[in-house]
N, C-alpha and C. Protein backbone atom coordinates (compact mmCIF):
# COMPACT_ATOMS: atom_id res chain seq x y z
N MET A 1 -7.57 12.57 62.89
CA MET A 1 -6.57 13.06 61.98
C MET A 1 -6.07 11.97 61.04
N GLU A 2 -5.78 10.82 61.63
CA GLU A 2 -5.28 9.72 60.85
C GLU A 2 -6.33 9.24 59.85
N ARG A 3 -7.57 9.33 60.25
CA ARG A 3 -8.65 8.89 59.39
C ARG A 3 -8.74 9.78 58.13
N ALA A 4 -8.56 11.09 58.25
CA ALA A 4 -8.60 12.01 57.10
C ALA A 4 -7.47 11.68 56.14
N GLY A 5 -6.28 11.36 56.66
CA GLY A 5 -5.14 10.99 55.80
C GLY A 5 -5.43 9.71 55.04
N CYS A 6 -6.12 8.80 55.64
CA CYS A 6 -6.48 7.54 54.98
C CYS A 6 -7.41 7.81 53.81
N LYS A 7 -8.40 8.71 54.02
CA LYS A 7 -9.34 9.05 52.94
C LYS A 7 -8.60 9.77 51.80
N ALA A 8 -7.67 10.65 52.15
CA ALA A 8 -6.92 11.36 51.12
C ALA A 8 -6.06 10.40 50.31
N GLY A 9 -5.46 9.42 50.98
CA GLY A 9 -4.66 8.42 50.29
C GLY A 9 -5.51 7.58 49.35
N PHE A 10 -6.71 7.24 49.79
CA PHE A 10 -7.63 6.48 48.94
C PHE A 10 -8.02 7.30 47.71
N ALA A 11 -8.28 8.60 47.91
CA ALA A 11 -8.66 9.47 46.79
C ALA A 11 -7.53 9.57 45.77
N VAL A 12 -6.27 9.66 46.22
CA VAL A 12 -5.14 9.76 45.31
C VAL A 12 -4.98 8.46 44.54
N ARG A 13 -5.11 7.30 45.24
CA ARG A 13 -5.00 6.00 44.55
C ARG A 13 -6.13 5.82 43.54
N SER A 14 -7.34 6.26 43.88
CA SER A 14 -8.47 6.14 42.96
C SER A 14 -8.26 7.02 41.74
N MET A 15 -7.77 8.23 41.99
CA MET A 15 -7.52 9.17 40.88
C MET A 15 -6.43 8.62 39.99
N LYS A 16 -5.39 8.03 40.56
CA LYS A 16 -4.30 7.43 39.80
C LYS A 16 -4.84 6.30 38.92
N GLY A 17 -5.73 5.48 39.47
CA GLY A 17 -6.34 4.40 38.72
C GLY A 17 -7.17 4.92 37.55
N VAL A 18 -7.92 5.99 37.80
CA VAL A 18 -8.73 6.57 36.74
C VAL A 18 -7.83 7.13 35.64
N LEU A 19 -6.77 7.83 36.01
CA LEU A 19 -5.86 8.40 35.02
C LEU A 19 -5.16 7.30 34.21
N LEU A 20 -4.76 6.21 34.86
CA LEU A 20 -4.14 5.10 34.13
C LEU A 20 -5.13 4.47 33.18
N THR A 21 -6.38 4.33 33.59
CA THR A 21 -7.40 3.77 32.71
C THR A 21 -7.62 4.66 31.50
N ILE A 22 -7.72 5.97 31.72
CA ILE A 22 -7.88 6.92 30.61
C ILE A 22 -6.70 6.84 29.67
N LEU A 23 -5.48 6.80 30.21
CA LEU A 23 -4.29 6.71 29.39
C LEU A 23 -4.29 5.42 28.56
N PHE A 24 -4.65 4.31 29.18
CA PHE A 24 -4.70 3.03 28.46
C PHE A 24 -5.72 3.07 27.33
N LEU A 25 -6.90 3.58 27.60
CA LEU A 25 -7.94 3.67 26.57
C LEU A 25 -7.52 4.59 25.43
N SER A 26 -6.87 5.71 25.77
CA SER A 26 -6.42 6.65 24.73
C SER A 26 -5.39 5.99 23.82
N VAL A 27 -4.42 5.32 24.38
CA VAL A 27 -3.41 4.64 23.59
C VAL A 27 -4.03 3.55 22.74
N SER A 28 -4.99 2.81 23.30
CA SER A 28 -5.67 1.77 22.55
C SER A 28 -6.42 2.33 21.36
N LEU A 29 -7.13 3.43 21.56
CA LEU A 29 -7.88 4.04 20.46
C LEU A 29 -6.96 4.58 19.39
N ILE A 30 -5.85 5.18 19.78
CA ILE A 30 -4.92 5.73 18.81
C ILE A 30 -4.31 4.61 17.97
N SER A 31 -3.95 3.50 18.60
CA SER A 31 -3.31 2.42 17.87
C SER A 31 -4.30 1.68 16.96
N CYS A 32 -5.60 1.80 17.20
CA CYS A 32 -6.60 1.13 16.37
C CYS A 32 -7.08 1.97 15.20
N ARG A 33 -6.64 3.19 15.11
CA ARG A 33 -7.08 4.05 14.02
C ARG A 33 -6.58 3.53 12.69
N GLU A 34 -7.34 3.81 11.65
CA GLU A 34 -6.92 3.46 10.29
C GLU A 34 -5.74 4.37 9.92
N PRO A 35 -4.82 3.87 9.09
CA PRO A 35 -3.72 4.74 8.68
C PRO A 35 -4.25 5.90 7.86
N ALA A 36 -3.53 7.01 7.90
CA ALA A 36 -3.93 8.19 7.14
C ALA A 36 -3.92 7.86 5.66
N PRO A 37 -4.86 8.42 4.91
CA PRO A 37 -4.87 8.13 3.47
C PRO A 37 -3.59 8.62 2.80
N VAL A 38 -3.19 7.87 1.79
CA VAL A 38 -1.99 8.20 1.06
C VAL A 38 -2.37 9.14 -0.09
N LEU A 39 -1.64 10.22 -0.25
CA LEU A 39 -1.91 11.13 -1.36
C LEU A 39 -1.28 10.56 -2.62
N LEU A 40 -2.10 10.44 -3.65
CA LEU A 40 -1.62 9.86 -4.92
C LEU A 40 -0.99 10.93 -5.79
N PRO A 41 0.16 10.62 -6.37
CA PRO A 41 0.73 11.57 -7.33
C PRO A 41 -0.06 11.55 -8.63
N SER A 42 -0.05 12.64 -9.35
CA SER A 42 -0.69 12.65 -10.66
C SER A 42 0.17 11.84 -11.62
N THR A 43 -0.44 11.28 -12.64
CA THR A 43 0.32 10.50 -13.61
C THR A 43 0.29 11.19 -14.97
N SER A 44 1.37 11.06 -15.70
CA SER A 44 1.48 11.74 -16.99
C SER A 44 1.45 10.77 -18.17
N GLU A 45 1.51 9.48 -17.90
CA GLU A 45 1.48 8.50 -18.98
C GLU A 45 0.87 7.20 -18.47
N GLN A 46 0.31 6.43 -19.39
CA GLN A 46 -0.27 5.13 -19.06
C GLN A 46 0.83 4.08 -19.00
N LEU A 47 0.64 3.09 -18.16
CA LEU A 47 1.56 1.96 -18.08
C LEU A 47 0.78 0.71 -18.46
N THR A 48 1.24 0.02 -19.47
CA THR A 48 0.58 -1.21 -19.91
C THR A 48 0.90 -2.32 -18.91
N LEU A 49 -0.13 -3.01 -18.48
CA LEU A 49 0.03 -4.10 -17.53
C LEU A 49 -0.36 -5.42 -18.17
N SER A 50 0.36 -6.47 -17.80
CA SER A 50 -0.09 -7.81 -18.17
C SER A 50 -0.54 -8.50 -16.88
N ILE A 51 -1.56 -9.33 -17.00
CA ILE A 51 -2.13 -9.97 -15.82
C ILE A 51 -2.09 -11.49 -16.02
N GLN A 52 -1.54 -12.19 -15.02
CA GLN A 52 -1.47 -13.65 -15.05
C GLN A 52 -1.97 -14.21 -13.74
N PRO A 53 -2.63 -15.36 -13.75
CA PRO A 53 -3.03 -16.00 -12.49
C PRO A 53 -1.79 -16.45 -11.72
N ASN A 54 -1.88 -16.41 -10.42
CA ASN A 54 -0.80 -16.90 -9.55
C ASN A 54 -1.39 -17.95 -8.64
N PRO A 55 -1.33 -19.22 -9.05
CA PRO A 55 -1.95 -20.26 -8.24
C PRO A 55 -1.28 -20.46 -6.88
N ALA A 56 -0.02 -20.05 -6.75
CA ALA A 56 0.69 -20.22 -5.49
C ALA A 56 0.15 -19.27 -4.44
N GLY A 57 -0.23 -18.05 -4.86
CA GLY A 57 -0.80 -17.08 -3.92
C GLY A 57 0.17 -16.74 -2.81
N GLY A 58 -0.15 -17.19 -1.62
CA GLY A 58 0.72 -16.93 -0.47
C GLY A 58 0.31 -15.67 0.29
N ASP A 59 0.82 -15.56 1.46
CA ASP A 59 0.55 -14.38 2.29
C ASP A 59 1.86 -13.74 2.62
N PRO A 60 1.97 -12.55 2.97
CA PRO A 60 0.89 -11.57 2.97
C PRO A 60 0.68 -10.99 1.57
N LEU A 61 -0.51 -10.54 1.32
CA LEU A 61 -0.85 -9.89 0.06
C LEU A 61 -1.37 -8.50 0.37
N PRO A 62 -1.12 -7.52 -0.46
CA PRO A 62 -0.39 -7.59 -1.72
C PRO A 62 1.12 -7.71 -1.47
N ARG A 63 1.80 -8.23 -2.49
CA ARG A 63 3.25 -8.35 -2.51
C ARG A 63 3.74 -7.58 -3.72
N VAL A 64 4.77 -6.77 -3.53
CA VAL A 64 5.32 -5.96 -4.63
C VAL A 64 6.79 -6.32 -4.81
N ARG A 65 7.17 -6.59 -6.07
CA ARG A 65 8.58 -6.85 -6.41
C ARG A 65 8.97 -5.83 -7.47
N ILE A 66 10.06 -5.15 -7.23
CA ILE A 66 10.56 -4.11 -8.14
C ILE A 66 11.97 -4.48 -8.53
N SER A 67 12.27 -4.42 -9.83
CA SER A 67 13.62 -4.74 -10.30
C SER A 67 14.00 -3.78 -11.42
N ALA A 68 15.29 -3.62 -11.58
CA ALA A 68 15.82 -2.71 -12.61
C ALA A 68 16.52 -3.53 -13.68
N GLY A 69 16.50 -3.01 -14.88
CA GLY A 69 17.18 -3.64 -15.99
C GLY A 69 17.97 -2.61 -16.76
N SER A 70 18.24 -2.92 -17.98
CA SER A 70 18.98 -2.02 -18.86
C SER A 70 18.02 -0.96 -19.40
N GLY A 71 18.05 0.23 -18.81
CA GLY A 71 17.18 1.32 -19.23
C GLY A 71 15.72 1.13 -18.84
N SER A 72 15.45 0.23 -17.88
CA SER A 72 14.06 -0.05 -17.53
C SER A 72 13.92 -0.42 -16.05
N VAL A 73 12.67 -0.31 -15.56
CA VAL A 73 12.29 -0.76 -14.23
C VAL A 73 11.02 -1.56 -14.40
N SER A 74 10.97 -2.75 -13.77
CA SER A 74 9.78 -3.59 -13.82
C SER A 74 9.20 -3.77 -12.42
N MET A 75 7.89 -3.91 -12.37
CA MET A 75 7.25 -4.19 -11.08
C MET A 75 6.25 -5.32 -11.30
N VAL A 76 6.15 -6.17 -10.27
CA VAL A 76 5.17 -7.25 -10.25
C VAL A 76 4.42 -7.11 -8.94
N VAL A 77 3.10 -7.02 -9.01
CA VAL A 77 2.27 -6.94 -7.82
C VAL A 77 1.41 -8.21 -7.77
N THR A 78 1.48 -8.92 -6.66
CA THR A 78 0.65 -10.12 -6.44
C THR A 78 -0.47 -9.67 -5.52
N GLN A 79 -1.71 -9.90 -5.98
CA GLN A 79 -2.87 -9.32 -5.29
C GLN A 79 -4.07 -10.23 -5.41
N ARG A 80 -4.96 -10.16 -4.44
CA ARG A 80 -6.26 -10.85 -4.56
C ARG A 80 -7.10 -10.05 -5.55
N TRP A 81 -7.90 -10.77 -6.33
CA TRP A 81 -8.64 -10.10 -7.38
C TRP A 81 -10.00 -10.73 -7.54
N MET A 82 -11.02 -9.91 -7.78
CA MET A 82 -12.36 -10.42 -8.01
C MET A 82 -12.60 -10.70 -9.47
N CYS A 83 -13.37 -11.72 -9.74
CA CYS A 83 -13.74 -12.05 -11.11
C CYS A 83 -14.39 -10.84 -11.75
N GLY A 84 -13.96 -10.51 -12.96
CA GLY A 84 -14.53 -9.39 -13.69
C GLY A 84 -13.87 -8.05 -13.38
N GLY A 85 -12.97 -8.01 -12.41
CA GLY A 85 -12.27 -6.76 -12.08
C GLY A 85 -11.25 -6.42 -13.14
N ARG A 86 -10.95 -5.15 -13.24
CA ARG A 86 -9.93 -4.70 -14.19
C ARG A 86 -8.91 -3.84 -13.44
N VAL A 87 -7.78 -3.62 -14.10
CA VAL A 87 -6.73 -2.81 -13.50
C VAL A 87 -6.16 -1.88 -14.57
N ALA A 88 -5.85 -0.65 -14.17
CA ALA A 88 -5.23 0.32 -15.07
C ALA A 88 -4.11 0.98 -14.26
N ALA A 89 -3.05 1.43 -14.96
CA ALA A 89 -1.94 2.03 -14.24
C ALA A 89 -1.39 3.24 -15.01
N GLY A 90 -0.82 4.15 -14.26
CA GLY A 90 -0.17 5.31 -14.82
C GLY A 90 1.14 5.53 -14.11
N VAL A 91 2.00 6.34 -14.75
CA VAL A 91 3.34 6.61 -14.21
C VAL A 91 3.57 8.11 -14.10
N ASN A 92 4.25 8.48 -13.05
CA ASN A 92 4.73 9.85 -12.88
C ASN A 92 6.26 9.75 -12.83
N ARG A 93 6.91 10.38 -13.82
CA ARG A 93 8.38 10.35 -13.88
C ARG A 93 8.93 11.68 -13.38
N ALA A 94 9.90 11.59 -12.51
CA ALA A 94 10.64 12.77 -12.03
C ALA A 94 12.10 12.33 -11.96
N PRO A 95 13.05 13.27 -11.94
CA PRO A 95 14.45 12.87 -11.87
C PRO A 95 14.70 11.97 -10.63
N GLY A 96 15.14 10.76 -10.89
CA GLY A 96 15.46 9.82 -9.79
C GLY A 96 14.24 9.28 -9.06
N ASP A 97 13.04 9.50 -9.59
CA ASP A 97 11.82 9.09 -8.88
C ASP A 97 10.76 8.63 -9.86
N LEU A 98 10.22 7.44 -9.63
CA LEU A 98 9.12 6.90 -10.44
C LEU A 98 7.99 6.54 -9.49
N ALA A 99 6.82 7.06 -9.79
CA ALA A 99 5.62 6.71 -9.02
C ALA A 99 4.64 6.01 -9.94
N ILE A 100 4.25 4.80 -9.58
CA ILE A 100 3.31 4.01 -10.36
C ILE A 100 1.99 3.99 -9.58
N VAL A 101 0.92 4.40 -10.22
CA VAL A 101 -0.39 4.40 -9.58
C VAL A 101 -1.25 3.37 -10.29
N VAL A 102 -1.65 2.34 -9.53
CA VAL A 102 -2.48 1.25 -10.05
C VAL A 102 -3.89 1.49 -9.54
N ARG A 103 -4.84 1.50 -10.47
CA ARG A 103 -6.25 1.69 -10.11
C ARG A 103 -6.99 0.38 -10.34
N GLN A 104 -7.58 -0.11 -9.26
CA GLN A 104 -8.37 -1.31 -9.35
C GLN A 104 -9.80 -0.91 -9.67
N ILE A 105 -10.32 -1.43 -10.76
CA ILE A 105 -11.66 -1.11 -11.19
C ILE A 105 -12.55 -2.29 -10.87
N LEU A 106 -13.55 -2.04 -10.05
CA LEU A 106 -14.43 -3.13 -9.60
C LEU A 106 -15.18 -3.75 -10.76
N PRO A 107 -15.58 -4.99 -10.58
CA PRO A 107 -16.29 -5.68 -11.66
C PRO A 107 -17.57 -4.95 -12.05
N ASP A 108 -17.86 -4.99 -13.32
CA ASP A 108 -19.11 -4.45 -13.84
C ASP A 108 -20.23 -5.34 -13.30
N SER A 109 -21.30 -4.73 -12.89
CA SER A 109 -22.42 -5.52 -12.34
C SER A 109 -23.01 -6.46 -13.39
N SER A 110 -22.74 -6.19 -14.66
CA SER A 110 -23.29 -7.07 -15.70
C SER A 110 -22.31 -8.20 -16.05
N ALA A 111 -21.13 -8.22 -15.41
CA ALA A 111 -20.16 -9.30 -15.69
C ALA A 111 -20.74 -10.65 -15.28
N VAL A 112 -20.64 -11.60 -16.16
CA VAL A 112 -21.18 -12.92 -15.88
C VAL A 112 -19.99 -13.84 -15.57
N CYS A 113 -19.82 -14.14 -14.30
CA CYS A 113 -18.77 -15.06 -13.89
C CYS A 113 -19.09 -15.57 -12.50
N ALA A 114 -18.50 -16.67 -12.14
CA ALA A 114 -18.70 -17.22 -10.81
C ALA A 114 -18.10 -16.27 -9.79
N PRO A 115 -18.83 -15.98 -8.72
CA PRO A 115 -18.27 -15.06 -7.71
C PRO A 115 -17.12 -15.74 -7.00
N MET A 116 -15.91 -15.32 -7.36
CA MET A 116 -14.72 -15.90 -6.73
C MET A 116 -13.64 -14.85 -6.63
N ILE A 117 -12.73 -15.08 -5.75
CA ILE A 117 -11.58 -14.20 -5.62
C ILE A 117 -10.36 -15.03 -5.95
N ALA A 118 -9.57 -14.56 -6.89
CA ALA A 118 -8.36 -15.24 -7.30
C ALA A 118 -7.14 -14.44 -6.88
N VAL A 119 -5.99 -15.05 -6.99
CA VAL A 119 -4.74 -14.34 -6.76
C VAL A 119 -4.07 -14.15 -8.13
N LEU A 120 -3.76 -12.91 -8.45
CA LEU A 120 -3.18 -12.59 -9.76
C LEU A 120 -1.88 -11.80 -9.58
N ASP A 121 -1.04 -11.90 -10.61
CA ASP A 121 0.15 -11.04 -10.72
C ASP A 121 -0.13 -10.06 -11.82
N TYR A 122 0.07 -8.77 -11.56
CA TYR A 122 0.06 -7.85 -12.67
C TYR A 122 1.43 -7.20 -12.75
N THR A 123 1.92 -7.14 -14.00
CA THR A 123 3.31 -6.77 -14.28
C THR A 123 3.33 -5.59 -15.23
N GLY A 124 4.23 -4.66 -14.97
CA GLY A 124 4.44 -3.52 -15.87
C GLY A 124 5.89 -3.16 -15.93
N THR A 125 6.32 -2.62 -17.07
CA THR A 125 7.72 -2.22 -17.25
C THR A 125 7.78 -0.81 -17.79
N ILE A 126 8.56 0.02 -17.14
CA ILE A 126 8.80 1.40 -17.57
C ILE A 126 10.11 1.40 -18.32
N THR A 127 10.09 1.86 -19.55
CA THR A 127 11.30 1.85 -20.39
C THR A 127 11.76 3.28 -20.68
N GLY A 128 12.88 3.37 -21.38
CA GLY A 128 13.42 4.68 -21.76
C GLY A 128 14.06 5.45 -20.62
N LEU A 129 14.58 4.74 -19.63
CA LEU A 129 15.19 5.39 -18.47
C LEU A 129 16.69 5.55 -18.67
N SER A 130 17.22 6.63 -18.17
CA SER A 130 18.67 6.85 -18.16
C SER A 130 19.27 6.03 -17.02
N ALA A 131 20.55 5.74 -17.15
CA ALA A 131 21.24 5.01 -16.09
C ALA A 131 21.23 5.86 -14.82
N GLY A 132 21.11 5.18 -13.67
CA GLY A 132 21.15 5.89 -12.40
C GLY A 132 20.27 5.21 -11.36
N SER A 133 20.21 5.83 -10.22
CA SER A 133 19.44 5.31 -9.10
C SER A 133 18.03 5.93 -9.11
N TYR A 134 17.02 5.10 -8.90
CA TYR A 134 15.63 5.57 -8.90
C TYR A 134 14.92 5.07 -7.65
N ARG A 135 14.14 5.96 -7.05
CA ARG A 135 13.22 5.55 -6.02
C ARG A 135 11.92 5.20 -6.75
N VAL A 136 11.43 3.99 -6.54
CA VAL A 136 10.23 3.52 -7.23
C VAL A 136 9.16 3.24 -6.17
N ARG A 137 8.01 3.87 -6.31
CA ARG A 137 6.90 3.66 -5.39
C ARG A 137 5.70 3.14 -6.17
N VAL A 138 5.03 2.14 -5.62
CA VAL A 138 3.84 1.57 -6.26
C VAL A 138 2.66 1.88 -5.34
N PHE A 139 1.73 2.68 -5.84
CA PHE A 139 0.52 3.06 -5.12
C PHE A 139 -0.66 2.27 -5.65
N GLU A 140 -1.61 1.98 -4.77
CA GLU A 140 -2.87 1.38 -5.20
C GLU A 140 -4.01 2.35 -4.84
N ALA A 141 -4.79 2.70 -5.86
CA ALA A 141 -5.97 3.53 -5.65
C ALA A 141 -7.19 2.62 -5.65
N GLN A 142 -7.92 2.62 -4.56
CA GLN A 142 -9.12 1.80 -4.45
C GLN A 142 -10.29 2.68 -4.04
N SER A 143 -11.48 2.15 -4.17
CA SER A 143 -12.67 2.93 -3.84
C SER A 143 -12.70 3.30 -2.36
N ASN A 144 -12.10 2.49 -1.51
CA ASN A 144 -12.12 2.74 -0.07
C ASN A 144 -10.84 3.45 0.42
N GLY A 145 -10.03 3.97 -0.48
CA GLY A 145 -8.83 4.68 -0.09
C GLY A 145 -7.62 4.25 -0.89
N SER A 146 -6.52 4.89 -0.62
CA SER A 146 -5.28 4.62 -1.33
C SER A 146 -4.23 4.12 -0.35
N ARG A 147 -3.28 3.38 -0.89
CA ARG A 147 -2.19 2.90 -0.05
C ARG A 147 -0.92 2.74 -0.87
N LEU A 148 0.17 2.58 -0.16
CA LEU A 148 1.49 2.38 -0.77
C LEU A 148 1.97 0.99 -0.37
N PRO A 149 1.64 -0.03 -1.17
CA PRO A 149 2.00 -1.40 -0.77
C PRO A 149 3.48 -1.73 -0.96
N GLY A 150 4.21 -0.91 -1.74
CA GLY A 150 5.61 -1.24 -1.94
C GLY A 150 6.42 -0.12 -2.53
N SER A 151 7.70 -0.11 -2.17
CA SER A 151 8.64 0.85 -2.74
C SER A 151 10.05 0.26 -2.64
N ALA A 152 10.93 0.76 -3.47
CA ALA A 152 12.31 0.28 -3.47
C ALA A 152 13.17 1.33 -4.16
N THR A 153 14.44 1.25 -3.91
CA THR A 153 15.43 2.05 -4.65
C THR A 153 16.23 1.08 -5.49
N VAL A 154 16.27 1.33 -6.79
CA VAL A 154 16.95 0.44 -7.72
C VAL A 154 17.95 1.21 -8.56
N SER A 155 18.90 0.48 -9.14
CA SER A 155 19.90 1.09 -10.03
C SER A 155 19.68 0.58 -11.44
N VAL A 156 19.39 1.51 -12.33
CA VAL A 156 19.16 1.21 -13.74
C VAL A 156 20.49 1.28 -14.45
N SER A 157 20.77 0.25 -15.26
CA SER A 157 22.03 0.24 -16.01
C SER A 157 21.83 0.95 -17.35
N THR A 158 22.94 1.27 -18.00
CA THR A 158 22.90 1.93 -19.28
C THR A 158 22.34 0.98 -20.34
N PRO A 159 21.39 1.47 -21.12
CA PRO A 159 20.83 0.59 -22.17
C PRO A 159 21.91 0.21 -23.19
N ALA A 160 21.83 -1.01 -23.66
CA ALA A 160 22.77 -1.47 -24.69
C ALA A 160 22.48 -0.74 -25.97
N THR A 161 23.54 -0.40 -26.72
CA THR A 161 23.32 0.31 -27.99
C THR A 161 23.68 -0.58 -29.16
């Protein structure tokens, strides 16, 4: 009788070990998944960007800085960039909400330049805004997916007249 109880106890401990292993593996797999793709808002206007080298670079990248001014919002994105790459941006304006979608365009295969990756700042300013609080989101659209590297809520002041 005692021997059967010993076997039953061993079976319960073995089953518990198997369940804990399965639970551990499940949690590990879930935490290693790629983040869900970000849905990009449509844009209704182009945003002119200026691009400057950033020799300081730094980590982590990308870095997004958003600031408000008199009737305007500016954003600066510091990002690694390939030689020959281009960037284009668009804006979606909604009451109290600005969505900036930056599209990184890979280098043209005919571009003649040394294969290097640089750190660049690209800057854009949205003007013609009324005074008030705005949620500003900066999206990046890339060939391997989209992401939201930065967002902020800023207060735009009344433009000087």
